[in-house]
């Protein structure tokens, strides 16, 4: 085989698969400063019944039903802050998504891990958080900042008012936010699902925001213009 062609094939192979890691802190009536939800969906120790994981718009249920993603593995650790980890492959073969369901009483650990992962991830890697905005509750001390000149990762943060609380910490972690929120909202997994389709096509932040707004408008039965007010423009 021609040396140049082989080199090009190896290069394409090396960048063909993109990595997405999603940290979901389960909704928890008892341990989180949230407006109380139904007892079953607000049990932070029960992934299958939880609002952010097992309900119809929860990450586990929504991505399992998606035609864009295929579940390839399920892990249920016997101990620790993570109750379940799911791995999905995108239908294009160009992306792997790993999602973790954190116990609802381990918000601090979930946030600490999120910031560590954004700091340590690099190009073509995206880290997402879904859940109650625990940064409002002053639960954590940020990890050590990313080294100067370190390769930047990308991130999506879905919860209430995340732009106000996550922008500065993410800058410290050298992670570029693609999608955040500026109001109270419902962080259903359908938002992440549709935003990722744009990201995988190398779409712009504007296009990602538009996809998120369309998904939110459809779910909440509001206008797209109204849904756009949930997601700030990120330059």
C-alpha atoms as a PDB file:
ATOM      1  CA  UNK A   1       0.000   0.000   0.000  1.00  0.00           C
ATOM      2  CA  UNK A   2       1.183   3.510  -0.789  1.00  0.00           C
ATOM      3  CA  UNK A   3       2.893   4.996   2.290  1.00  0.00           C
ATOM      4  CA  UNK A   4       0.981   8.269   2.065  1.00  0.00           C
ATOM      5  CA  UNK A   5      -2.351   6.452   1.732  1.00  0.00           C
ATOM      6  CA  UNK A   6      -1.544   4.255   4.716  1.00  0.00           C
ATOM      7  CA  UNK A   7      -0.647   7.324   6.756  1.00  0.00           C
ATOM      8  CA  UNK A   8      -3.935   8.988   5.837  1.00  0.00           C
ATOM      9  CA  UNK A   9      -5.916   5.859   6.743  1.00  0.00           C
ATOM     10  CA  UNK A  10      -4.202   5.623  10.105  1.00  0.00           C
ATOM     11  CA  UNK A  11      -4.903   9.287  10.765  1.00  0.00           C
ATOM     12  CA  UNK A  12      -8.596   8.913   9.909  1.00  0.00           C
ATOM     13  CA  UNK A  13      -8.803   5.813  12.099  1.00  0.00           C
ATOM     14  CA  UNK A  14      -7.198   7.655  14.991  1.00  0.00           C
ATOM     15  CA  UNK A  15      -9.753  10.498  14.931  1.00  0.00           C
ATOM     16  CA  UNK A  16     -12.768   8.471  13.792  1.00  0.00           C
ATOM     17  CA  UNK A  17     -14.222   7.842  17.254  1.00  0.00           C
ATOM     18  CA  UNK A  18     -15.224  10.696  19.525  1.00  0.00           C
ATOM     19  CA  UNK A  19     -15.783  10.235  23.236  1.00  0.00           C
ATOM     20  CA  UNK A  20     -18.651  11.515  25.334  1.00  0.00           C
ATOM     21  CA  UNK A  21     -18.941  11.055  29.082  1.00  0.00           C
ATOM     22  CA  UNK A  22     -22.131  11.996  30.920  1.00  0.00           C
ATOM     23  CA  UNK A  23     -22.465  12.353  34.680  1.00  0.00           C
ATOM     24  CA  UNK A  24     -26.043  12.258  35.951  1.00  0.00           C
ATOM     25  CA  UNK A  25     -26.696  12.939  39.613  1.00  0.00           C
ATOM     26  CA  UNK A  26     -29.998  11.247  40.363  1.00  0.00           C
ATOM     27  CA  UNK A  27     -32.860  13.454  41.500  1.00  0.00           C
ATOM     28  CA  UNK A  28     -33.115  13.209  45.299  1.00  0.00           C
ATOM     29  CA  UNK A  29     -35.858  14.754  47.429  1.00  0.00           C
ATOM     30  CA  UNK A  30     -34.058  14.019  50.659  1.00  0.00           C
ATOM     31  CA  UNK A  31     -30.502  15.117  49.939  1.00  0.00           C
ATOM     32  CA  UNK A  32     -30.794  17.906  47.355  1.00  0.00           C
ATOM     33  CA  UNK A  33     -32.109  21.459  47.691  1.00  0.00           C
ATOM     34  CA  UNK A  34     -34.803  20.975  45.073  1.00  0.00           C
ATOM     35  CA  UNK A  35     -38.522  21.544  44.732  1.00  0.00           C
ATOM     36  CA  UNK A  36     -39.884  18.194  45.826  1.00  0.00           C
ATOM     37  CA  UNK A  37     -41.025  15.797  43.122  1.00  0.00           C
ATOM     38  CA  UNK A  38     -42.968  12.541  43.390  1.00  0.00           C
ATOM     39  CA  UNK A  39     -41.539  10.072  45.900  1.00  0.00           C
ATOM     40  CA  UNK A  40     -40.706   7.415  43.302  1.00  0.00           C
ATOM     41  CA  UNK A  41     -38.964   9.701  40.809  1.00  0.00           C
ATOM     42  CA  UNK A  42     -37.191  11.566  43.605  1.00  0.00           C
ATOM     43  CA  UNK A  43     -35.525   8.493  45.128  1.00  0.00           C
ATOM     44  CA  UNK A  44     -31.825   9.099  44.522  1.00  0.00           C
ATOM     45  CA  UNK A  45     -30.948   5.464  45.179  1.00  0.00           C
ATOM     46  CA  UNK A  46     -33.217   4.003  42.489  1.00  0.00           C
ATOM     47  CA  UNK A  47     -31.935   4.536  38.920  1.00  0.00           C
ATOM     48  CA  UNK A  48     -34.788   2.692  37.122  1.00  0.00           C
ATOM     49  CA  UNK A  49     -37.432   4.935  38.655  1.00  0.00           C
ATOM     50  CA  UNK A  50     -35.510   8.185  38.803  1.00  0.00           C
ATOM     51  CA  UNK A  51     -36.560  11.377  37.037  1.00  0.00           C
ATOM     52  CA  UNK A  52     -33.160  11.941  35.420  1.00  0.00           C
ATOM     53  CA  UNK A  53     -32.356   8.312  34.587  1.00  0.00           C
ATOM     54  CA  UNK A  54     -35.224   5.839  34.372  1.00  0.00           C
ATOM     55  CA  UNK A  55     -38.249   7.982  33.523  1.00  0.00           C
ATOM     56  CA  UNK A  56     -39.209   8.388  29.873  1.00  0.00           C
ATOM     57  CA  UNK A  57     -37.034  11.491  29.441  1.00  0.00           C
ATOM     58  CA  UNK A  58     -34.248  10.208  31.685  1.00  0.00           C
ATOM     59  CA  UNK A  59     -30.899   9.388  30.132  1.00  0.00           C
ATOM     60  CA  UNK A  60     -31.116   5.617  30.379  1.00  0.00           C
ATOM     61  CA  UNK A  61     -34.626   5.351  28.957  1.00  0.00           C
ATOM     62  CA  UNK A  62     -34.251   8.010  26.287  1.00  0.00           C
ATOM     63  CA  UNK A  63     -30.970   6.803  24.831  1.00  0.00           C
ATOM     64  CA  UNK A  64     -32.063   3.144  24.925  1.00  0.00           C
ATOM     65  CA  UNK A  65     -35.062   4.086  22.778  1.00  0.00           C
ATOM     66  CA  UNK A  66     -33.026   6.193  20.371  1.00  0.00           C
ATOM     67  CA  UNK A  67     -32.342   4.957  16.846  1.00  0.00           C
ATOM     68  CA  UNK A  68     -29.101   6.929  16.924  1.00  0.00           C
ATOM     69  CA  UNK A  69     -27.523   4.996  19.789  1.00  0.00           C
ATOM     70  CA  UNK A  70     -27.123   1.338  20.695  1.00  0.00           C
ATOM     71  CA  UNK A  71     -26.516   0.096  24.232  1.00  0.00           C
ATOM     72  CA  UNK A  72     -23.369  -2.045  24.332  1.00  0.00           C
ATOM     73  CA  UNK A  73     -22.775  -2.616  28.044  1.00  0.00           C
ATOM     74  CA  UNK A  74     -24.318  -2.161  31.482  1.00  0.00           C
ATOM     75  CA  UNK A  75     -22.391  -2.111  34.731  1.00  0.00           C
ATOM     76  CA  UNK A  76     -23.812  -1.955  38.243  1.00  0.00           C
ATOM     77  CA  UNK A  77     -21.035  -1.402  40.804  1.00  0.00           C
ATOM     78  CA  UNK A  78     -21.669  -3.042  44.166  1.00  0.00           C
ATOM     79  CA  UNK A  79     -20.341  -0.046  46.066  1.00  0.00           C
ATOM     80  CA  UNK A  80     -19.271   3.546  45.560  1.00  0.00           C
ATOM     81  CA  UNK A  81     -21.059   6.701  44.375  1.00  0.00           C
ATOM     82  CA  UNK A  82     -22.066   5.300  40.960  1.00  0.00           C
ATOM     83  CA  UNK A  83     -25.084   3.002  40.852  1.00  0.00           C
ATOM     84  CA  UNK A  84     -25.071   2.219  37.125  1.00  0.00           C
ATOM     85  CA  UNK A  85     -22.898   2.878  34.077  1.00  0.00           C
ATOM     86  CA  UNK A  86     -24.163   2.471  30.523  1.00  0.00           C
ATOM     87  CA  UNK A  87     -22.090   2.482  27.345  1.00  0.00           C
ATOM     88  CA  UNK A  88     -23.638   3.361  23.983  1.00  0.00           C
ATOM     89  CA  UNK A  89     -22.285   3.361  20.435  1.00  0.00           C
ATOM     90  CA  UNK A  90     -23.490   5.898  17.896  1.00  0.00           C
ATOM     91  CA  UNK A  91     -25.028   4.409  14.757  1.00  0.00           C
ATOM     92  CA  UNK A  92     -22.340   6.077  12.660  1.00  0.00           C
ATOM     93  CA  UNK A  93     -19.639   4.179  14.527  1.00  0.00           C
ATOM     94  CA  UNK A  94     -17.893   7.474  15.188  1.00  0.00           C
ATOM     95  CA  UNK A  95     -18.732   8.001  18.846  1.00  0.00           C
ATOM     96  CA  UNK A  96     -18.959   6.225  22.179  1.00  0.00           C
ATOM     97  CA  UNK A  97     -21.050   7.580  25.040  1.00  0.00           C
ATOM     98  CA  UNK A  98     -20.507   6.462  28.625  1.00  0.00           C
ATOM     99  CA  UNK A  99     -23.144   7.581  31.142  1.00  0.00           C
ATOM    100  CA  UNK A 100     -22.915   7.270  34.924  1.00  0.00           C
ATOM    101  CA  UNK A 101     -25.823   7.410  37.376  1.00  0.00           C
ATOM    102  CA  UNK A 102     -24.542   8.900  40.642  1.00  0.00           C
ATOM    103  CA  UNK A 103     -26.366   8.395  43.907  1.00  0.00           C
ATOM    104  CA  UNK A 104     -28.504  11.395  44.713  1.00  0.00           C
ATOM    105  CA  UNK A 105     -26.722  11.886  48.031  1.00  0.00           C
ATOM    106  CA  UNK A 106     -23.321  12.085  46.317  1.00  0.00           C
ATOM    107  CA  UNK A 107     -23.770  15.357  44.456  1.00  0.00           C
ATOM    108  CA  UNK A 108     -20.428  16.703  45.670  1.00  0.00           C
ATOM    109  CA  UNK A 109     -18.584  13.667  44.332  1.00  0.00           C
ATOM    110  CA  UNK A 110     -20.452  13.885  41.024  1.00  0.00           C
ATOM    111  CA  UNK A 111     -19.483  17.537  40.579  1.00  0.00           C
ATOM    112  CA  UNK A 112     -15.872  16.926  41.580  1.00  0.00           C
ATOM    113  CA  UNK A 113     -15.646  14.089  39.057  1.00  0.00           C
ATOM    114  CA  UNK A 114     -17.273  16.250  36.387  1.00  0.00           C
ATOM    115  CA  UNK A 115     -14.677  18.982  36.761  1.00  0.00           C
ATOM    116  CA  UNK A 116     -11.816  16.490  36.888  1.00  0.00           C
ATOM    117  CA  UNK A 117     -13.032  14.852  33.700  1.00  0.00           C
ATOM    118  CA  UNK A 118     -13.438  18.186  31.898  1.00  0.00           C
ATOM    119  CA  UNK A 119      -9.892  19.073  32.942  1.00  0.00           C
ATOM    120  CA  UNK A 120      -8.368  15.758  31.894  1.00  0.00           C
ATOM    121  CA  UNK A 121     -10.328  15.259  28.655  1.00  0.00           C
ATOM    122  CA  UNK A 122      -8.953  16.625  25.396  1.00  0.00           C
ATOM    123  CA  UNK A 123      -9.758  17.264  21.781  1.00  0.00           C
ATOM    124  CA  UNK A 124     -12.786  15.424  20.356  1.00  0.00           C
ATOM    125  CA  UNK A 125     -13.929  14.648  23.914  1.00  0.00           C
ATOM    126  CA  UNK A 126     -17.064  16.043  25.498  1.00  0.00           C
ATOM    127  CA  UNK A 127     -18.123  15.825  29.143  1.00  0.00           C
ATOM    128  CA  UNK A 128     -21.709  16.527  30.197  1.00  0.00           C
ATOM    129  CA  UNK A 129     -23.521  16.998  33.490  1.00  0.00           C
ATOM    130  CA  UNK A 130     -27.262  16.490  34.034  1.00  0.00           C
ATOM    131  CA  UNK A 131     -29.109  17.148  37.257  1.00  0.00           C
ATOM    132  CA  UNK A 132     -29.816  19.641  40.007  1.00  0.00           C
ATOM    133  CA  UNK A 133     -27.325  22.511  39.944  1.00  0.00           C
ATOM    134  CA  UNK A 134     -25.399  21.490  43.030  1.00  0.00           C
ATOM    135  CA  UNK A 135     -22.995  24.397  42.540  1.00  0.00           C
ATOM    136  CA  UNK A 136     -25.716  26.573  44.066  1.00  0.00           C
ATOM    137  CA  UNK A 137     -25.190  24.753  47.347  1.00  0.00           C
ATOM    138  CA  UNK A 138     -21.441  25.426  47.726  1.00  0.00           C
ATOM    139  CA  UNK A 139     -20.667  21.738  48.055  1.00  0.00           C
ATOM    140  CA  UNK A 140     -17.186  21.470  46.571  1.00  0.00           C
ATOM    141  CA  UNK A 141     -13.709  22.861  46.303  1.00  0.00           C
ATOM    142  CA  UNK A 142     -12.583  22.887  42.689  1.00  0.00           C
ATOM    143  CA  UNK A 143      -9.805  20.503  41.613  1.00  0.00           C
ATOM    144  CA  UNK A 144      -6.391  21.826  40.652  1.00  0.00           C
ATOM    145  CA  UNK A 145      -6.524  23.950  37.495  1.00  0.00           C
ATOM    146  CA  UNK A 146      -5.583  22.570  34.109  1.00  0.00           C
ATOM    147  CA  UNK A 147      -1.897  23.033  33.168  1.00  0.00           C
ATOM    148  CA  UNK A 148      -1.161  26.040  30.964  1.00  0.00           C
ATOM    149  CA  UNK A 149      -1.305  25.077  27.302  1.00  0.00           C
ATOM    150  CA  UNK A 150      -3.283  21.909  28.048  1.00  0.00           C
ATOM    151  CA  UNK A 151      -5.584  20.654  25.282  1.00  0.00           C
ATOM    152  CA  UNK A 152      -9.141  21.929  25.801  1.00  0.00           C
ATOM    153  CA  UNK A 153     -12.168  19.683  26.162  1.00  0.00           C
ATOM    154  CA  UNK A 154     -15.804  20.592  25.457  1.00  0.00           C
ATOM    155  CA  UNK A 155     -18.733  20.428  27.843  1.00  0.00           C
ATOM    156  CA  UNK A 156     -22.516  20.594  28.172  1.00  0.00           C
ATOM    157  CA  UNK A 157     -24.167  21.417  31.478  1.00  0.00           C
ATOM    158  CA  UNK A 158     -27.907  20.840  31.892  1.00  0.00           C
ATOM    159  CA  UNK A 159     -29.563  21.998  35.096  1.00  0.00           C
ATOM    160  CA  UNK A 160     -30.996  25.254  36.401  1.00  0.00           C
ATOM    161  CA  UNK A 161     -28.977  28.451  35.850  1.00  0.00           C
ATOM    162  CA  UNK A 162     -25.791  26.629  34.932  1.00  0.00           C
ATOM    163  CA  UNK A 163     -24.214  29.521  33.043  1.00  0.00           C
ATOM    164  CA  UNK A 164     -23.966  31.582  36.234  1.00  0.00           C
ATOM    165  CA  UNK A 165     -22.347  28.818  38.268  1.00  0.00           C
ATOM    166  CA  UNK A 166     -20.234  26.784  35.833  1.00  0.00           C
ATOM    167  CA  UNK A 167     -18.657  29.333  33.475  1.00  0.00           C
ATOM    168  CA  UNK A 168     -15.707  30.369  35.648  1.00  0.00           C
ATOM    169  CA  UNK A 169     -14.916  26.854  36.967  1.00  0.00           C
ATOM    170  CA  UNK A 170     -14.924  25.447  33.437  1.00  0.00           C
ATOM    171  CA  UNK A 171     -12.520  28.135  32.303  1.00  0.00           C
ATOM    172  CA  UNK A 172     -10.187  27.026  35.102  1.00  0.00           C
ATOM    173  CA  UNK A 173     -10.513  23.432  33.919  1.00  0.00           C
ATOM    174  CA  UNK A 174      -9.798  24.541  30.315  1.00  0.00           C
ATOM    175  CA  UNK A 175     -13.109  23.246  29.034  1.00  0.00           C
ATOM    176  CA  UNK A 176     -15.156  25.057  26.396  1.00  0.00           C
ATOM    177  CA  UNK A 177     -18.895  25.024  27.236  1.00  0.00           C
ATOM    178  CA  UNK A 178     -21.098  24.393  24.210  1.00  0.00           C
ATOM    179  CA  UNK A 179     -24.504  24.461  25.895  1.00  0.00           C
ATOM    180  CA  UNK A 180     -25.606  25.918  29.240  1.00  0.00           C
ATOM    181  CA  UNK A 181     -28.773  27.361  30.762  1.00  0.00           C
ATOM    182  CA  UNK A 182     -29.777  30.750  32.112  1.00  0.00           C
ATOM    183  CA  UNK A 183     -33.109  29.977  33.778  1.00  0.00           C
ATOM    184  CA  UNK A 184     -34.909  27.354  35.792  1.00  0.00           C
ATOM    185  CA  UNK A 185     -35.568  24.385  33.537  1.00  0.00           C
ATOM    186  CA  UNK A 186     -36.101  20.629  33.191  1.00  0.00           C
ATOM    187  CA  UNK A 187     -32.854  18.883  32.129  1.00  0.00           C
ATOM    188  CA  UNK A 188     -34.375  16.030  30.147  1.00  0.00           C
ATOM    189  CA  UNK A 189     -31.976  13.813  28.206  1.00  0.00           C
ATOM    190  CA  UNK A 190     -33.697  14.727  24.930  1.00  0.00           C
ATOM    191  CA  UNK A 191     -31.782  18.034  25.038  1.00  0.00           C
ATOM    192  CA  UNK A 192     -28.405  16.328  25.217  1.00  0.00           C
ATOM    193  CA  UNK A 193     -29.460  13.752  22.629  1.00  0.00           C
ATOM    194  CA  UNK A 194     -30.294  16.344  19.971  1.00  0.00           C
ATOM    195  CA  UNK A 195     -27.359  18.603  20.818  1.00  0.00           C
ATOM    196  CA  UNK A 196     -24.948  15.705  20.351  1.00  0.00           C
ATOM    197  CA  UNK A 197     -26.191  15.075  16.834  1.00  0.00           C
ATOM    198  CA  UNK A 198     -25.076  18.589  15.909  1.00  0.00           C
ATOM    199  CA  UNK A 199     -21.780  18.241  17.774  1.00  0.00           C
ATOM    200  CA  UNK A 200     -20.977  15.018  15.925  1.00  0.00           C
ATOM    201  CA  UNK A 201     -21.450  16.909  12.653  1.00  0.00           C
ATOM    202  CA  UNK A 202     -19.044  19.611  13.872  1.00  0.00           C
ATOM    203  CA  UNK A 203     -21.879  22.098  14.133  1.00  0.00           C
ATOM    204  CA  UNK A 204     -21.448  25.519  15.688  1.00  0.00           C
ATOM    205  CA  UNK A 205     -22.484  26.573  19.193  1.00  0.00           C
ATOM    206  CA  UNK A 206     -25.355  28.471  17.602  1.00  0.00           C
ATOM    207  CA  UNK A 207     -26.571  25.314  15.850  1.00  0.00           C
ATOM    208  CA  UNK A 208     -26.236  23.286  19.059  1.00  0.00           C
ATOM    209  CA  UNK A 209     -28.287  25.908  20.931  1.00  0.00           C
ATOM    210  CA  UNK A 210     -30.943  25.870  18.209  1.00  0.00           C
ATOM    211  CA  UNK A 211     -31.202  22.067  18.345  1.00  0.00           C
ATOM    212  CA  UNK A 212     -31.520  22.183  22.127  1.00  0.00           C
ATOM    213  CA  UNK A 213     -34.241  24.835  21.916  1.00  0.00           C
ATOM    214  CA  UNK A 214     -36.226  22.831  19.370  1.00  0.00           C
ATOM    215  CA  UNK A 215     -36.023  19.720  21.534  1.00  0.00           C
ATOM    216  CA  UNK A 216     -37.052  21.645  24.638  1.00  0.00           C
ATOM    217  CA  UNK A 217     -39.921  23.381  22.856  1.00  0.00           C
ATOM    218  CA  UNK A 218     -41.300  20.063  21.631  1.00  0.00           C
ATOM    219  CA  UNK A 219     -41.095  18.441  25.062  1.00  0.00           C
ATOM    220  CA  UNK A 220     -42.485  21.384  27.009  1.00  0.00           C
ATOM    221  CA  UNK A 221     -45.059  22.267  24.344  1.00  0.00           C
ATOM    222  CA  UNK A 222     -43.873  25.857  24.047  1.00  0.00           C
ATOM    223  CA  UNK A 223     -42.621  27.956  21.156  1.00  0.00           C
ATOM    224  CA  UNK A 224     -39.054  27.577  19.938  1.00  0.00           C
ATOM    225  CA  UNK A 225     -38.585  31.288  20.606  1.00  0.00           C
ATOM    226  CA  UNK A 226     -39.669  30.731  24.188  1.00  0.00           C
ATOM    227  CA  UNK A 227     -37.355  27.737  24.526  1.00  0.00           C
ATOM    228  CA  UNK A 228     -34.419  29.779  23.244  1.00  0.00           C
ATOM    229  CA  UNK A 229     -34.645  31.951  26.346  1.00  0.00           C
ATOM    230  CA  UNK A 230     -33.559  28.926  28.412  1.00  0.00           C
ATOM    231  CA  UNK A 231     -30.218  28.576  26.625  1.00  0.00           C
ATOM    232  CA  UNK A 232     -27.791  31.527  26.418  1.00  0.00           C
ATOM    233  CA  UNK A 233     -25.798  32.374  23.343  1.00  0.00           C
ATOM    234  CA  UNK A 234     -22.234  31.272  23.969  1.00  0.00           C
ATOM    235  CA  UNK A 235     -19.543  32.981  21.962  1.00  0.00           C
END
